[in-house]
Amino acid sequence: MEDEIVQEQLKAAYLSGKQAFERGRYRESVNYLETAAKLMIPNSKLGGEVQIWLATAYEAVGQRPDSIALYRSLSRHPHGEIRKQSRRLLYILEAPRLSSRPDWVVQIPDLAQLDDSEKLTIGRNTGPKTPHQTPKPPQFRLEPERTGEESTGDNWFVLIAFGIVVVILGGMVWFN
């Protein structure tokens, strides 16, 4: 009976931790997942999943050393899926940082520093209003049909292709 209560508490803490993480409340997630980690059997599959989520939450709150240490311990977990996932995540965390040039980074201004009057005008077109004009339909022109000398210039390709086909067919008939 007591074991069932502990399992229910474990699942409740685990699910609450996952939900808090998915909603961006990482501190709260760490608290729930640490509670779940204390209640679970570390070498079980569920225990490994709880620890994976906990390590991810540690990284989200800026506790990278704790996250790396937990992933390292999980790389020796008895369940293969947990080992594999922890090794992949550890590889990502231990990868060298890429350097970026300042001109590759877009600086986004902090809009929290604006006055209330400035907040109202951002994103609105405050310029003079012009009446909306409907676009004119495109004008189509019909070109006159070509006759005489003008039309033979385009037919050279057709004549050459026809000649090549006749030569090929003639060669096939001749050599059969």
N, C-alpha and C. Protein backbone atom coordinates (compact mmCIF):
# COMPACT_ATOMS: atom_id res chain seq x y z
N MET A 1 0.83 -1.19 0.00
CA MET A 1 0.00 0.00 0.00
C MET A 1 0.87 1.26 0.00
N GLU A 2 1.90 1.25 0.86
CA GLU A 2 2.79 2.41 0.94
C GLU A 2 3.57 2.57 -0.36
N ASP A 3 3.92 1.44 -0.99
CA ASP A 3 4.66 1.47 -2.24
C ASP A 3 3.83 2.12 -3.36
N GLU A 4 2.52 1.85 -3.36
CA GLU A 4 1.63 2.45 -4.37
C GLU A 4 1.53 3.96 -4.18
N ILE A 5 1.52 4.41 -2.93
CA ILE A 5 1.45 5.85 -2.65
C ILE A 5 2.72 6.54 -3.14
N VAL A 6 3.87 5.90 -2.89
CA VAL A 6 5.14 6.46 -3.35
C VAL A 6 5.17 6.52 -4.87
N GLN A 7 4.67 5.47 -5.53
CA GLN A 7 4.64 5.46 -7.00
C GLN A 7 3.74 6.58 -7.54
N GLU A 8 2.59 6.80 -6.88
CA GLU A 8 1.70 7.88 -7.31
C GLU A 8 2.36 9.25 -7.12
N GLN A 9 3.06 9.42 -5.99
CA GLN A 9 3.77 10.69 -5.75
C GLN A 9 4.87 10.89 -6.79
N LEU A 10 5.57 9.80 -7.11
CA LEU A 10 6.63 9.85 -8.11
C LEU A 10 6.07 10.29 -9.46
N LYS A 11 5.00 9.64 -9.90
CA LYS A 11 4.41 9.97 -11.19
C LYS A 11 3.87 11.40 -11.21
N ALA A 12 3.25 11.82 -10.10
CA ALA A 12 2.71 13.19 -10.03
C ALA A 12 3.84 14.21 -10.11
N ALA A 13 4.92 13.97 -9.38
CA ALA A 13 6.06 14.90 -9.41
C ALA A 13 6.71 14.90 -10.79
N TYR A 14 6.84 13.72 -11.38
CA TYR A 14 7.46 13.60 -12.71
C TYR A 14 6.63 14.35 -13.76
N LEU A 15 5.32 14.11 -13.78
CA LEU A 15 4.47 14.78 -14.76
C LEU A 15 4.42 16.29 -14.53
N SER A 16 4.39 16.70 -13.26
CA SER A 16 4.40 18.14 -12.96
C SER A 16 5.71 18.77 -13.42
N GLY A 17 6.81 18.06 -13.24
CA GLY A 17 8.11 18.57 -13.68
C GLY A 17 8.18 18.71 -15.19
N LYS A 18 7.66 17.71 -15.91
CA LYS A 18 7.65 17.78 -17.37
C LYS A 18 6.78 18.94 -17.85
N GLN A 19 5.60 19.08 -17.25
CA GLN A 19 4.70 20.15 -17.67
C GLN A 19 5.31 21.52 -17.38
N ALA A 20 5.93 21.67 -16.22
CA ALA A 20 6.56 22.95 -15.88
C ALA A 20 7.68 23.26 -16.87
N PHE A 21 8.45 22.24 -17.24
CA PHE A 21 9.54 22.44 -18.21
C PHE A 21 8.98 22.88 -19.55
N GLU A 22 7.95 22.21 -20.01
CA GLU A 22 7.36 22.52 -21.31
C GLU A 22 6.72 23.90 -21.34
N ARG A 23 6.36 24.42 -20.19
CA ARG A 23 5.78 25.77 -20.11
C ARG A 23 6.84 26.83 -19.84
N GLY A 24 8.11 26.42 -19.77
CA GLY A 24 9.18 27.39 -19.58
C GLY A 24 9.45 27.76 -18.14
N ARG A 25 8.86 27.06 -17.20
CA ARG A 25 9.10 27.32 -15.77
C ARG A 25 10.16 26.33 -15.28
N TYR A 26 11.40 26.63 -15.59
CA TYR A 26 12.49 25.67 -15.40
C TYR A 26 12.85 25.46 -13.93
N ARG A 27 12.85 26.50 -13.11
CA ARG A 27 13.14 26.34 -11.67
C ARG A 27 12.13 25.41 -11.03
N GLU A 28 10.87 25.66 -11.33
CA GLU A 28 9.80 24.83 -10.80
C GLU A 28 9.97 23.39 -11.28
N SER A 29 10.35 23.24 -12.53
CA SER A 29 10.58 21.91 -13.09
C SER A 29 11.69 21.18 -12.34
N VAL A 30 12.78 21.89 -12.05
CA VAL A 30 13.89 21.27 -11.31
C VAL A 30 13.41 20.79 -9.95
N ASN A 31 12.60 21.60 -9.26
CA ASN A 31 12.10 21.21 -7.94
C ASN A 31 11.26 19.94 -8.02
N TYR A 32 10.33 19.88 -8.96
CA TYR A 32 9.48 18.70 -9.11
C TYR A 32 10.32 17.47 -9.48
N LEU A 33 11.23 17.64 -10.43
CA LEU A 33 12.01 16.50 -10.90
C LEU A 33 13.00 16.02 -9.85
N GLU A 34 13.54 16.91 -9.02
CA GLU A 34 14.40 16.47 -7.92
C GLU A 34 13.60 15.67 -6.91
N THR A 35 12.36 16.09 -6.65
CA THR A 35 11.48 15.33 -5.76
C THR A 35 11.22 13.95 -6.34
N ALA A 36 10.92 13.89 -7.63
CA ALA A 36 10.67 12.60 -8.29
C ALA A 36 11.92 11.74 -8.26
N ALA A 37 13.10 12.34 -8.44
CA ALA A 37 14.35 11.57 -8.45
C ALA A 37 14.64 10.95 -7.09
N LYS A 38 14.23 11.62 -6.02
CA LYS A 38 14.43 11.07 -4.67
C LYS A 38 13.51 9.89 -4.41
N LEU A 39 12.34 9.88 -5.05
CA LEU A 39 11.34 8.84 -4.79
C LEU A 39 11.52 7.61 -5.68
N MET A 40 12.25 7.70 -6.75
CA MET A 40 12.30 6.61 -7.72
C MET A 40 13.48 5.69 -7.51
N ILE A 41 13.41 4.57 -8.20
CA ILE A 41 14.51 3.61 -8.22
C ILE A 41 15.42 4.06 -9.37
N PRO A 42 16.66 4.44 -9.08
CA PRO A 42 17.51 5.06 -10.11
C PRO A 42 17.78 4.18 -11.32
N ASN A 43 17.84 2.86 -11.15
CA ASN A 43 18.20 1.99 -12.27
C ASN A 43 17.00 1.52 -13.09
N SER A 44 15.79 1.97 -12.74
CA SER A 44 14.62 1.60 -13.53
C SER A 44 14.54 2.49 -14.77
N LYS A 45 13.74 2.06 -15.72
CA LYS A 45 13.59 2.86 -16.94
C LYS A 45 12.95 4.20 -16.61
N LEU A 46 11.91 4.20 -15.77
CA LEU A 46 11.26 5.44 -15.37
C LEU A 46 12.24 6.33 -14.62
N GLY A 47 13.07 5.72 -13.79
CA GLY A 47 14.08 6.49 -13.06
C GLY A 47 15.05 7.16 -14.01
N GLY A 48 15.43 6.47 -15.07
CA GLY A 48 16.33 7.05 -16.07
C GLY A 48 15.67 8.21 -16.80
N GLU A 49 14.38 8.04 -17.14
CA GLU A 49 13.66 9.11 -17.82
C GLU A 49 13.57 10.35 -16.94
N VAL A 50 13.29 10.14 -15.65
CA VAL A 50 13.21 11.27 -14.71
C VAL A 50 14.56 11.99 -14.67
N GLN A 51 15.64 11.23 -14.63
CA GLN A 51 16.96 11.83 -14.54
C GLN A 51 17.35 12.56 -15.84
N ILE A 52 16.92 12.03 -16.98
CA ILE A 52 17.16 12.73 -18.26
C ILE A 52 16.47 14.09 -18.24
N TRP A 53 15.20 14.10 -17.82
CA TRP A 53 14.46 15.36 -17.75
C TRP A 53 15.11 16.31 -16.74
N LEU A 54 15.58 15.76 -15.62
CA LEU A 54 16.22 16.59 -14.60
C LEU A 54 17.50 17.22 -15.15
N ALA A 55 18.30 16.44 -15.85
CA ALA A 55 19.54 16.97 -16.43
C ALA A 55 19.24 18.06 -17.45
N THR A 56 18.19 17.86 -18.23
CA THR A 56 17.79 18.87 -19.21
C THR A 56 17.32 20.14 -18.51
N ALA A 57 16.59 19.98 -17.41
CA ALA A 57 16.12 21.14 -16.64
C ALA A 57 17.30 21.86 -15.99
N TYR A 58 18.29 21.10 -15.52
CA TYR A 58 19.50 21.73 -14.96
C TYR A 58 20.16 22.63 -16.01
N GLU A 59 20.25 22.13 -17.22
CA GLU A 59 20.86 22.92 -18.29
C GLU A 59 20.03 24.18 -18.57
N ALA A 60 18.71 24.04 -18.50
CA ALA A 60 17.84 25.19 -18.79
C ALA A 60 17.97 26.29 -17.74
N VAL A 61 18.25 25.93 -16.48
CA VAL A 61 18.40 26.96 -15.44
C VAL A 61 19.84 27.42 -15.30
N GLY A 62 20.73 26.89 -16.13
CA GLY A 62 22.11 27.36 -16.11
C GLY A 62 23.04 26.55 -15.22
N GLN A 63 22.62 25.39 -14.78
CA GLN A 63 23.46 24.53 -13.95
C GLN A 63 24.12 23.47 -14.82
N ARG A 64 24.92 23.92 -15.76
CA ARG A 64 25.55 23.02 -16.73
C ARG A 64 26.42 21.95 -16.07
N PRO A 65 27.24 22.26 -15.06
CA PRO A 65 28.05 21.19 -14.45
C PRO A 65 27.21 20.07 -13.85
N ASP A 66 26.08 20.43 -13.21
CA ASP A 66 25.19 19.40 -12.67
C ASP A 66 24.58 18.57 -13.79
N SER A 67 24.21 19.24 -14.87
CA SER A 67 23.63 18.55 -16.01
C SER A 67 24.62 17.57 -16.62
N ILE A 68 25.85 18.01 -16.82
CA ILE A 68 26.88 17.14 -17.41
C ILE A 68 27.17 15.96 -16.50
N ALA A 69 27.26 16.21 -15.20
CA ALA A 69 27.54 15.12 -14.25
C ALA A 69 26.42 14.09 -14.27
N LEU A 70 25.18 14.54 -14.34
CA LEU A 70 24.05 13.61 -14.37
C LEU A 70 24.03 12.82 -15.68
N TYR A 71 24.31 13.47 -16.79
CA TYR A 71 24.38 12.74 -18.07
C TYR A 71 25.51 11.71 -18.05
N ARG A 72 26.63 12.06 -17.45
CA ARG A 72 27.74 11.10 -17.37
C ARG A 72 27.34 9.87 -16.56
N SER A 73 26.65 10.09 -15.44
CA SER A 73 26.23 8.94 -14.64
C SER A 73 25.18 8.11 -15.39
N LEU A 74 24.34 8.77 -16.18
CA LEU A 74 23.33 8.04 -16.95
C LEU A 74 23.93 7.28 -18.13
N SER A 75 25.13 7.62 -18.54
CA SER A 75 25.75 6.90 -19.66
C SER A 75 26.12 5.48 -19.26
N ARG A 76 26.00 5.15 -17.97
CA ARG A 76 26.23 3.78 -17.49
C ARG A 76 24.93 3.16 -16.96
N HIS A 77 23.79 3.68 -17.37
CA HIS A 77 22.49 3.20 -16.91
C HIS A 77 22.22 1.81 -17.49
N PRO A 78 21.52 0.94 -16.75
CA PRO A 78 21.26 -0.42 -17.25
C PRO A 78 20.37 -0.49 -18.50
N HIS A 79 19.52 0.50 -18.72
CA HIS A 79 18.64 0.47 -19.89
C HIS A 79 19.32 1.15 -21.08
N GLY A 80 19.33 0.45 -22.19
CA GLY A 80 20.05 0.91 -23.38
C GLY A 80 19.55 2.24 -23.93
N GLU A 81 18.22 2.44 -23.93
CA GLU A 81 17.68 3.69 -24.46
C GLU A 81 18.15 4.88 -23.64
N ILE A 82 18.18 4.72 -22.33
CA ILE A 82 18.61 5.80 -21.44
C ILE A 82 20.09 6.10 -21.67
N ARG A 83 20.90 5.03 -21.78
CA ARG A 83 22.34 5.21 -22.04
C ARG A 83 22.56 5.98 -23.35
N LYS A 84 21.86 5.53 -24.39
CA LYS A 84 22.02 6.13 -25.71
C LYS A 84 21.62 7.61 -25.71
N GLN A 85 20.48 7.91 -25.12
CA GLN A 85 20.00 9.29 -25.09
C GLN A 85 20.91 10.17 -24.25
N SER A 86 21.38 9.67 -23.12
CA SER A 86 22.25 10.48 -22.27
C SER A 86 23.59 10.74 -22.97
N ARG A 87 24.10 9.77 -23.70
CA ARG A 87 25.36 9.98 -24.42
C ARG A 87 25.21 11.03 -25.52
N ARG A 88 24.08 10.98 -26.21
CA ARG A 88 23.83 11.98 -27.26
C ARG A 88 23.75 13.39 -26.67
N LEU A 89 23.00 13.51 -25.58
CA LEU A 89 22.85 14.83 -24.97
C LEU A 89 24.16 15.32 -24.36
N LEU A 90 24.93 14.39 -23.79
CA LEU A 90 26.23 14.76 -23.23
C LEU A 90 27.17 15.23 -24.34
N TYR A 91 27.12 14.57 -25.48
CA TYR A 91 27.94 14.96 -26.63
C TYR A 91 27.61 16.40 -27.06
N ILE A 92 26.33 16.73 -27.06
CA ILE A 92 25.90 18.08 -27.43
C ILE A 92 26.43 19.11 -26.43
N LEU A 93 26.32 18.79 -25.14
CA LEU A 93 26.76 19.75 -24.12
C LEU A 93 28.27 19.93 -24.11
N GLU A 94 29.00 18.88 -24.44
CA GLU A 94 30.46 18.96 -24.39
C GLU A 94 31.07 19.42 -25.71
N ALA A 95 30.24 19.63 -26.71
CA ALA A 95 30.76 20.09 -28.01
C ALA A 95 31.35 21.48 -27.86
N PRO A 96 32.41 21.76 -28.61
CA PRO A 96 33.01 23.11 -28.50
C PRO A 96 32.04 24.17 -29.02
N ARG A 97 32.10 25.32 -28.39
CA ARG A 97 31.25 26.44 -28.79
C ARG A 97 31.75 27.00 -30.12
N LEU A 98 30.83 27.30 -30.99
CA LEU A 98 31.18 27.92 -32.26
C LEU A 98 31.35 29.42 -32.05
N SER A 99 32.36 29.95 -32.66
CA SER A 99 32.55 31.40 -32.56
C SER A 99 31.72 32.08 -33.63
N SER A 100 31.18 33.21 -33.29
CA SER A 100 30.40 33.96 -34.27
C SER A 100 30.88 35.39 -34.30
N ARG A 101 30.82 35.94 -35.47
CA ARG A 101 31.24 37.32 -35.64
C ARG A 101 30.09 38.23 -35.20
N PRO A 102 30.42 39.43 -34.72
CA PRO A 102 29.37 40.34 -34.27
C PRO A 102 28.38 40.73 -35.37
N ASP A 103 28.84 40.76 -36.61
CA ASP A 103 27.92 41.15 -37.68
C ASP A 103 26.96 40.02 -38.06
N TRP A 104 27.15 38.82 -37.50
CA TRP A 104 26.22 37.72 -37.74
C TRP A 104 25.05 37.75 -36.75
N VAL A 105 25.18 38.53 -35.70
CA VAL A 105 24.20 38.54 -34.63
C VAL A 105 23.28 39.74 -34.79
N VAL A 106 22.00 39.50 -34.66
CA VAL A 106 21.02 40.57 -34.73
C VAL A 106 20.73 41.02 -33.30
N GLN A 107 20.88 42.30 -33.05
CA GLN A 107 20.60 42.85 -31.73
C GLN A 107 19.13 43.28 -31.69
N ILE A 108 18.39 42.73 -30.75
CA ILE A 108 16.98 43.08 -30.59
C ILE A 108 16.89 44.06 -29.42
N PRO A 109 16.31 45.22 -29.63
CA PRO A 109 16.25 46.20 -28.54
C PRO A 109 15.31 45.72 -27.44
N ASP A 110 15.62 46.14 -26.21
CA ASP A 110 14.79 45.79 -25.06
C ASP A 110 13.59 46.72 -25.04
N LEU A 111 12.42 46.19 -25.31
CA LEU A 111 11.21 47.01 -25.37
C LEU A 111 10.64 47.29 -23.99
N ALA A 112 11.16 46.65 -22.95
CA ALA A 112 10.67 46.90 -21.60
C ALA A 112 11.10 48.27 -21.10
N GLN A 113 12.12 48.85 -21.69
CA GLN A 113 12.65 50.15 -21.26
C GLN A 113 11.86 51.33 -21.83
N LEU A 114 10.91 51.08 -22.71
CA LEU A 114 10.16 52.16 -23.35
C LEU A 114 9.13 52.77 -22.41
N ASP A 115 8.82 54.05 -22.62
CA ASP A 115 7.74 54.70 -21.89
C ASP A 115 6.42 54.17 -22.41
N ASP A 116 5.35 54.40 -21.63
CA ASP A 116 4.03 53.94 -22.05
C ASP A 116 3.59 54.61 -23.34
N SER A 117 3.93 55.87 -23.53
CA SER A 117 3.52 56.57 -24.75
C SER A 117 4.22 56.00 -25.97
N GLU A 118 5.47 55.56 -25.80
CA GLU A 118 6.20 54.97 -26.93
C GLU A 118 5.69 53.58 -27.25
N LYS A 119 5.22 52.86 -26.23
CA LYS A 119 4.73 51.50 -26.45
C LYS A 119 3.50 51.50 -27.35
N LEU A 120 2.70 52.55 -27.25
CA LEU A 120 1.47 52.58 -28.04
C LEU A 120 1.73 52.80 -29.52
N THR A 121 2.81 53.49 -29.85
CA THR A 121 3.05 53.81 -31.26
C THR A 121 3.87 52.77 -31.99
N ILE A 122 4.52 51.87 -31.28
CA ILE A 122 5.34 50.86 -31.95
C ILE A 122 4.43 49.88 -32.67
N GLY A 123 4.74 49.61 -33.90
CA GLY A 123 3.99 48.63 -34.67
C GLY A 123 2.79 49.24 -35.38
N ARG A 124 2.51 50.51 -35.16
CA ARG A 124 1.40 51.15 -35.85
C ARG A 124 1.95 52.09 -36.91
N ASN A 125 1.23 52.19 -37.97
CA ASN A 125 1.61 53.13 -39.02
C ASN A 125 1.04 54.49 -38.64
N THR A 126 1.92 55.39 -38.22
CA THR A 126 1.46 56.70 -37.78
C THR A 126 1.59 57.74 -38.88
N GLY A 127 1.98 57.33 -40.06
CA GLY A 127 2.14 58.27 -41.17
C GLY A 127 0.79 58.69 -41.73
N PRO A 128 0.80 59.59 -42.70
CA PRO A 128 -0.46 60.05 -43.28
C PRO A 128 -1.14 58.91 -44.02
N LYS A 129 -2.44 58.89 -43.90
CA LYS A 129 -3.22 57.82 -44.53
C LYS A 129 -3.55 58.22 -45.96
N THR A 130 -3.35 57.30 -46.87
CA THR A 130 -3.71 57.54 -48.26
C THR A 130 -4.86 56.61 -48.60
N PRO A 131 -5.76 57.06 -49.45
CA PRO A 131 -6.87 56.18 -49.80
C PRO A 131 -6.36 54.94 -50.54
N HIS A 132 -7.00 53.85 -50.27
CA HIS A 132 -6.60 52.58 -50.87
C HIS A 132 -7.01 52.58 -52.34
N GLN A 133 -6.07 52.32 -53.20
CA GLN A 133 -6.34 52.27 -54.63
C GLN A 133 -6.34 50.82 -55.08
N THR A 134 -7.34 50.48 -55.85
CA THR A 134 -7.39 49.12 -56.36
C THR A 134 -6.41 49.00 -57.52
N PRO A 135 -5.69 47.91 -57.60
CA PRO A 135 -4.73 47.76 -58.69
C PRO A 135 -5.45 47.64 -60.03
N LYS A 136 -4.84 48.19 -61.05
CA LYS A 136 -5.41 48.11 -62.39
C LYS A 136 -5.18 46.72 -62.95
N PRO A 137 -6.16 46.21 -63.68
CA PRO A 137 -5.95 44.89 -64.28
C PRO A 137 -4.86 44.97 -65.34
N PRO A 138 -4.12 43.91 -65.54
CA PRO A 138 -3.03 43.94 -66.52
C PRO A 138 -3.58 44.11 -67.94
N GLN A 139 -2.83 44.83 -68.72
CA GLN A 139 -3.22 45.07 -70.10
C GLN A 139 -2.62 43.98 -70.98
N PHE A 140 -3.46 43.33 -71.76
CA PHE A 140 -3.00 42.28 -72.66
C PHE A 140 -2.99 42.83 -74.08
N ARG A 141 -1.96 42.44 -74.83
CA ARG A 141 -1.85 42.83 -76.23
C ARG A 141 -1.83 41.57 -77.07
N LEU A 142 -2.51 41.62 -78.13
CA LEU A 142 -2.44 40.52 -79.09
C LEU A 142 -1.46 40.92 -80.17
N GLU A 143 -0.48 40.07 -80.41
CA GLU A 143 0.49 40.35 -81.46
C GLU A 143 -0.08 39.86 -82.78
N PRO A 144 0.19 40.57 -83.83
CA PRO A 144 -0.30 40.11 -85.14
C PRO A 144 0.41 38.81 -85.53
N GLU A 145 -0.30 37.99 -86.28
CA GLU A 145 0.26 36.72 -86.72
C GLU A 145 1.38 36.98 -87.71
N ARG A 146 2.45 36.26 -87.57
CA ARG A 146 3.60 36.43 -88.47
C ARG A 146 3.33 35.70 -89.78
N THR A 147 3.73 36.33 -90.81
CA THR A 147 3.58 35.70 -92.13
C THR A 147 4.83 35.99 -92.93
N GLY A 148 5.08 35.18 -93.92
CA GLY A 148 6.19 35.42 -94.83
C GLY A 148 7.53 35.11 -94.21
N GLU A 149 8.51 35.99 -94.47
CA GLU A 149 9.90 35.79 -94.06
C GLU A 149 10.07 35.70 -92.55
N GLU A 150 9.26 36.43 -91.79
CA GLU A 150 9.41 36.45 -90.34
C GLU A 150 9.16 35.08 -89.72
N SER A 151 8.22 34.31 -90.26
CA SER A 151 7.84 33.04 -89.64
C SER A 151 8.84 31.93 -89.91
N THR A 152 9.67 32.02 -90.97
CA THR A 152 10.59 30.92 -91.28
C THR A 152 11.77 30.88 -90.34
N GLY A 153 12.09 31.96 -89.66
CA GLY A 153 13.23 31.97 -88.75
C GLY A 153 13.05 30.99 -87.60
N ASP A 154 11.85 30.84 -87.13
CA ASP A 154 11.59 29.94 -86.01
C ASP A 154 11.50 28.48 -86.46
N ASN A 155 11.33 28.23 -87.75
CA ASN A 155 11.12 26.88 -88.23
C ASN A 155 12.41 26.14 -88.52
N TRP A 156 13.56 26.77 -88.50
CA TRP A 156 14.82 26.10 -88.79
C TRP A 156 15.06 24.94 -87.84
N PHE A 157 14.75 25.14 -86.58
CA PHE A 157 14.96 24.07 -85.61
C PHE A 157 14.11 22.86 -85.97
N VAL A 158 12.86 23.09 -86.33
CA VAL A 158 11.96 21.99 -86.68
C VAL A 158 12.46 21.28 -87.93
N LEU A 159 12.93 22.02 -88.90
CA LEU A 159 13.42 21.41 -90.13
C LEU A 159 14.67 20.57 -89.87
N ILE A 160 15.58 21.07 -89.07
CA ILE A 160 16.81 20.32 -88.76
C ILE A 160 16.47 19.05 -87.98
N ALA A 161 15.57 19.15 -87.00
CA ALA A 161 15.18 17.98 -86.22
C ALA A 161 14.50 16.95 -87.11
N PHE A 162 13.65 17.40 -88.02
CA PHE A 162 12.99 16.48 -88.94
C PHE A 162 14.01 15.78 -89.84
N GLY A 163 15.00 16.52 -90.32
CA GLY A 163 16.04 15.93 -91.16
C GLY A 163 16.83 14.87 -90.41
N ILE A 164 17.18 15.12 -89.15
CA ILE A 164 17.93 14.14 -88.36
C ILE A 164 17.12 12.88 -88.17
N VAL A 165 15.82 13.02 -87.89
CA VAL A 165 14.96 11.85 -87.70
C VAL A 165 14.88 11.04 -88.99
N VAL A 166 14.77 11.70 -90.14
CA VAL A 166 14.71 10.99 -91.42
C VAL A 166 16.01 10.24 -91.67
N VAL A 167 17.16 10.84 -91.37
CA VAL A 167 18.44 10.17 -91.58
C VAL A 167 18.54 8.95 -90.68
N ILE A 168 18.14 9.08 -89.43
CA ILE A 168 18.22 7.94 -88.50
C ILE A 168 17.31 6.81 -88.95
N LEU A 169 16.08 7.13 -89.31
CA LEU A 169 15.15 6.09 -89.76
C LEU A 169 15.63 5.45 -91.06
N GLY A 170 16.18 6.25 -91.97
CA GLY A 170 16.72 5.71 -93.22
C GLY A 170 17.88 4.77 -92.94
N GLY A 171 18.75 5.12 -92.01
CA GLY A 171 19.87 4.25 -91.66
C GLY A 171 19.40 2.95 -91.05
N MET A 172 18.35 3.01 -90.24
CA MET A 172 17.83 1.79 -89.63
C MET A 172 17.23 0.86 -90.69
N VAL A 173 16.52 1.43 -91.66
CA VAL A 173 15.93 0.62 -92.72
C VAL A 173 17.04 0.05 -93.61
N TRP A 174 18.03 0.83 -93.96
CA TRP A 174 19.10 0.42 -94.85
C TRP A 174 19.92 -0.72 -94.27
N PHE A 175 20.23 -0.66 -92.95
CA PHE A 175 21.09 -1.67 -92.34
C PHE A 175 20.33 -2.89 -91.83
N ASN A 176 19.04 -2.95 -91.98
CA ASN A 176 18.29 -4.14 -91.57
C ASN A 176 18.16 -5.12 -92.64
